[in-house]
Protein backbone atom coordinates (compact mmCIF):
# COMPACT_ATOMS: atom_id res chain seq x y z
CA UNK A 1 -0.94 -33.09 -31.81
CA UNK A 2 -2.57 -29.70 -31.35
CA UNK A 3 -2.49 -27.97 -27.95
CA UNK A 4 -5.33 -25.78 -26.84
CA UNK A 5 -4.67 -22.12 -26.11
CA UNK A 6 -5.70 -20.69 -22.74
CA UNK A 7 -6.07 -17.08 -21.67
CA UNK A 8 -3.10 -15.25 -20.18
CA UNK A 9 -3.52 -12.54 -17.52
CA UNK A 10 -0.99 -9.70 -17.44
CA UNK A 11 -0.29 -7.55 -14.37
CA UNK A 12 1.32 -4.12 -14.02
CA UNK A 13 0.94 -1.43 -11.41
CA UNK A 14 -1.82 1.15 -11.74
CA UNK A 15 0.20 4.34 -11.35
CA UNK A 16 3.81 5.08 -10.44
CA UNK A 17 5.31 8.33 -9.19
CA UNK A 18 8.97 9.26 -9.54
CA UNK A 19 11.29 12.23 -9.19
CA UNK A 20 13.10 14.00 -11.99
CA UNK A 21 16.55 12.42 -12.43
CA UNK A 22 15.66 9.19 -10.61
CA UNK A 23 15.28 5.62 -11.90
CA UNK A 24 12.09 3.60 -11.71
CA UNK A 25 11.24 -0.06 -12.27
CA UNK A 26 8.03 -0.75 -14.18
CA UNK A 27 6.91 -4.26 -13.32
CA UNK A 28 5.11 -6.61 -15.66
CA UNK A 29 4.21 -10.20 -14.85
CA UNK A 30 1.67 -12.70 -16.10
CA UNK A 31 -0.39 -15.68 -15.05
CA UNK A 32 -0.73 -18.65 -17.35
CA UNK A 33 -1.93 -22.19 -16.70
CA UNK A 34 1.09 -23.53 -18.57
CA UNK A 35 4.77 -23.72 -17.68
CA UNK A 36 6.80 -20.78 -18.87
CA UNK A 37 7.60 -21.41 -22.51
CA UNK A 38 11.01 -20.91 -24.11
CA UNK A 39 9.13 -18.75 -26.62
CA UNK A 40 7.80 -16.31 -24.02
CA UNK A 41 7.67 -12.69 -25.25
CA UNK A 42 7.27 -9.30 -23.58
CA UNK A 43 6.52 -6.08 -25.42
CA UNK A 44 6.44 -2.58 -23.91
CA UNK A 45 4.96 0.45 -25.63
CA UNK A 46 4.79 4.08 -24.52
CA UNK A 47 2.16 6.74 -25.15
CA UNK A 48 3.24 10.21 -24.00
CA UNK A 49 0.67 12.41 -22.27
CA UNK A 50 -1.42 14.21 -24.88
CA UNK A 51 -0.44 11.84 -27.71
CA UNK A 52 -2.87 9.57 -29.54
CA UNK A 53 -0.46 6.90 -30.71
CA UNK A 54 1.88 4.65 -28.75
CA UNK A 55 5.42 3.78 -29.79
CA UNK A 56 7.20 0.51 -29.18
CA UNK A 57 10.12 0.92 -26.76
CA UNK A 58 11.10 -2.65 -25.85
CA UNK A 59 10.64 -6.23 -26.99
CA UNK A 60 11.86 -9.52 -25.52
CA UNK A 61 11.74 -12.66 -27.62
CA UNK A 62 13.81 -15.77 -28.22
CA UNK A 63 15.74 -15.21 -24.99
CA UNK A 64 17.07 -11.80 -26.05
CA UNK A 65 15.98 -8.24 -25.18
CA UNK A 66 15.61 -5.62 -27.95
CA UNK A 67 15.59 -1.96 -26.92
CA UNK A 68 14.45 0.72 -29.35
CA UNK A 69 17.64 2.58 -30.33
CA UNK A 70 15.91 5.67 -31.76
CA UNK A 71 13.10 6.49 -29.34
CA UNK A 72 12.94 8.63 -26.22
CA UNK A 73 14.43 5.90 -24.00
CA UNK A 74 17.26 4.73 -26.31
CA UNK A 75 20.03 5.00 -23.68
CA UNK A 76 17.84 4.99 -20.58
CA UNK A 77 15.90 1.70 -20.70
CA UNK A 78 17.18 -1.60 -19.32
CA UNK A 79 15.52 -5.02 -19.12
CA UNK A 80 15.60 -6.18 -15.49
CA UNK A 81 12.99 -8.96 -15.68
CA UNK A 82 13.37 -12.69 -15.36
CA UNK A 83 11.29 -14.45 -18.05
CA UNK A 84 11.71 -17.81 -16.30
CA UNK A 85 9.78 -16.33 -13.38
CA UNK A 86 7.23 -14.67 -15.67
CA UNK A 87 8.72 -11.23 -15.05
CA UNK A 88 9.13 -8.76 -17.91
CA UNK A 89 10.05 -5.67 -15.87
CA UNK A 90 12.02 -2.74 -17.30
CA UNK A 91 14.07 -0.03 -15.62
CA UNK A 92 13.82 3.57 -16.81
CA UNK A 93 16.82 5.72 -15.92
CA UNK A 94 17.32 9.45 -15.44
CA UNK A 95 13.65 10.39 -15.69
CA UNK A 96 12.49 13.74 -17.05
CA UNK A 97 9.13 15.56 -17.21
CA UNK A 98 8.80 14.45 -20.83
CA UNK A 99 8.60 10.82 -19.65
CA UNK A 100 5.09 11.31 -18.24
CA UNK A 101 2.73 8.95 -19.98
CA UNK A 102 1.26 5.47 -20.15
CA UNK A 103 3.40 2.35 -20.51
CA UNK A 104 1.70 -0.81 -21.74
CA UNK A 105 3.07 -4.33 -21.30
CA UNK A 106 1.94 -7.27 -23.38
CA UNK A 107 3.11 -10.85 -22.76
CA UNK A 108 2.70 -14.11 -24.64
CA UNK A 109 3.47 -17.59 -23.34
CA UNK A 110 2.80 -19.88 -26.31
CA UNK A 111 0.43 -21.52 -26.78
CA UNK A 112 -1.26 -19.07 -24.35
CA UNK A 113 -1.28 -15.91 -26.43
CA UNK A 114 -4.77 -14.53 -25.83
CA UNK A 115 -4.96 -11.85 -23.16
CA UNK A 116 -5.38 -8.15 -22.54
CA UNK A 117 -2.28 -5.98 -22.25
CA UNK A 118 -1.87 -4.10 -18.95
CA UNK A 119 -0.95 -0.44 -18.56
CA UNK A 120 0.77 1.65 -15.90
CA UNK A 121 0.76 5.44 -15.80
CA UNK A 122 4.04 7.17 -14.98
CA UNK A 123 4.01 10.61 -13.37
CA UNK A 124 7.34 12.41 -12.97
CA UNK A 125 7.53 15.23 -10.39
CA UNK A 126 10.10 17.64 -9.04
CA UNK A 127 8.88 16.61 -5.58
CA UNK A 128 6.61 13.57 -5.08
CA UNK A 129 3.18 14.77 -3.82
CA UNK A 130 1.53 13.36 -0.73
CA UNK A 131 -1.03 10.85 -1.88
CA UNK A 132 -4.63 10.97 -0.73
CA UNK A 133 -4.22 7.58 0.96
CA UNK A 134 -1.53 8.98 3.26
CA UNK A 135 -3.75 11.89 4.26
CA UNK A 136 -6.78 9.63 4.80
CA UNK A 137 -4.68 7.20 6.84
CA UNK A 138 -3.37 10.04 9.00
CA UNK A 139 -6.89 11.31 9.70
CA UNK A 140 -8.17 7.82 10.57
CA UNK A 141 -5.14 7.25 12.82
CA UNK A 142 -5.70 10.55 14.63
CA UNK A 143 -9.41 9.80 15.21
CA UNK A 144 -8.63 6.29 16.50
CA UNK A 145 -5.90 7.69 18.74
CA UNK A 146 -8.33 10.26 20.17
CA UNK A 147 -10.95 7.56 20.82
CA UNK A 148 -8.35 5.40 22.54
CA UNK A 149 -7.30 8.35 24.72
CA UNK A 150 -10.95 8.99 25.71
CA UNK A 151 -11.44 5.31 26.65
CA UNK A 152 -8.22 5.31 28.74
CA UNK A 153 -9.28 8.50 30.56
CA UNK A 154 -12.77 7.05 31.19
CA UNK A 155 -11.40 3.85 32.74
CA UNK A 156 -8.79 5.77 34.73
CA UNK A 157 -11.51 8.01 36.19
CA UNK A 158 -13.66 4.97 37.04
CA UNK A 159 -10.67 3.39 38.77
CA UNK A 160 -9.88 6.54 40.77
CA UNK A 161 -13.51 7.04 41.86
CA UNK A 162 -13.84 3.36 42.84
CA UNK A 163 -10.60 3.58 44.85
CA UNK A 164 -11.80 6.71 46.69
CA UNK A 165 -15.17 5.10 47.50
CA UNK A 166 -13.38 1.99 48.72
CA UNK A 167 -11.03 4.04 50.91
CA UNK A 168 -13.99 5.96 52.41
CA UNK A 169 -15.89 2.76 53.10
CA UNK A 170 -12.87 1.20 54.81
CA UNK A 171 -12.36 4.25 57.05
CA UNK A 172 -16.03 4.45 58.08
CA UNK A 173 -17.34 2.24 60.82
CA UNK A 174 -20.86 1.07 60.08
CA UNK A 175 -21.61 0.03 63.69
CA UNK A 176 -22.50 2.94 65.95
CA UNK A 177 -23.20 0.63 68.83
CA UNK A 178 -20.37 0.69 71.23
CA UNK A 179 -19.91 0.61 74.96
CA UNK A 180 -17.76 3.71 75.04
CA UNK A 181 -18.54 7.32 74.26
CA UNK A 182 -21.00 8.05 71.47
CA UNK A 183 -19.21 8.30 68.06
CA UNK A 184 -19.64 11.34 65.82
CA UNK A 185 -21.48 10.92 62.51
CA UNK A 186 -19.57 11.47 59.25
CA UNK A 187 -20.95 14.52 57.46
CA UNK A 188 -23.08 13.50 54.47
CA UNK A 189 -23.18 9.82 55.49
CA UNK A 190 -25.40 7.86 57.82
CA UNK A 191 -22.44 6.05 59.33
CA UNK A 192 -20.46 6.79 62.45
CA UNK A 193 -16.73 6.85 63.25
CA UNK A 194 -15.12 5.95 66.51
């Protein structure tokens, strides 16, 4: 009985930032229409910045992880994924500037073996830069805060003016007809006070 192969979709992050000397987890997961196979495999490769070719740095197959023992991550790479949950994540330790580059994850879940590998770019800094999204979010927050302040001031002024008009109208006596002495008019108004 032959089983039909379906496409597999692999997910990684887009770009990760880290500090020199820190550790970072590079996540890799996949979507497949089938249950997770016992023959699931994960492969990670690394292409340093400025290089044309990628080198294999990690492979998981047959329930066992295999780390490249000669490459740039020989003592600094650890498998932290859970294949049963479709997770093929790795942990890179003690990062250095030379670790900048593109990491590519490929996964197979037989019989689903057709799919495009996914890549994540790693940037290692002495100090992590402020991302454009943080700056944009701060500007939008400041503008919204200013608009909210203007609306609050507007309604507060309307309330204060309405209260003053109400107080003036309560103190004024609209009837100037009385049996006693003639009341004096309020300056600027056509009403009289007793």
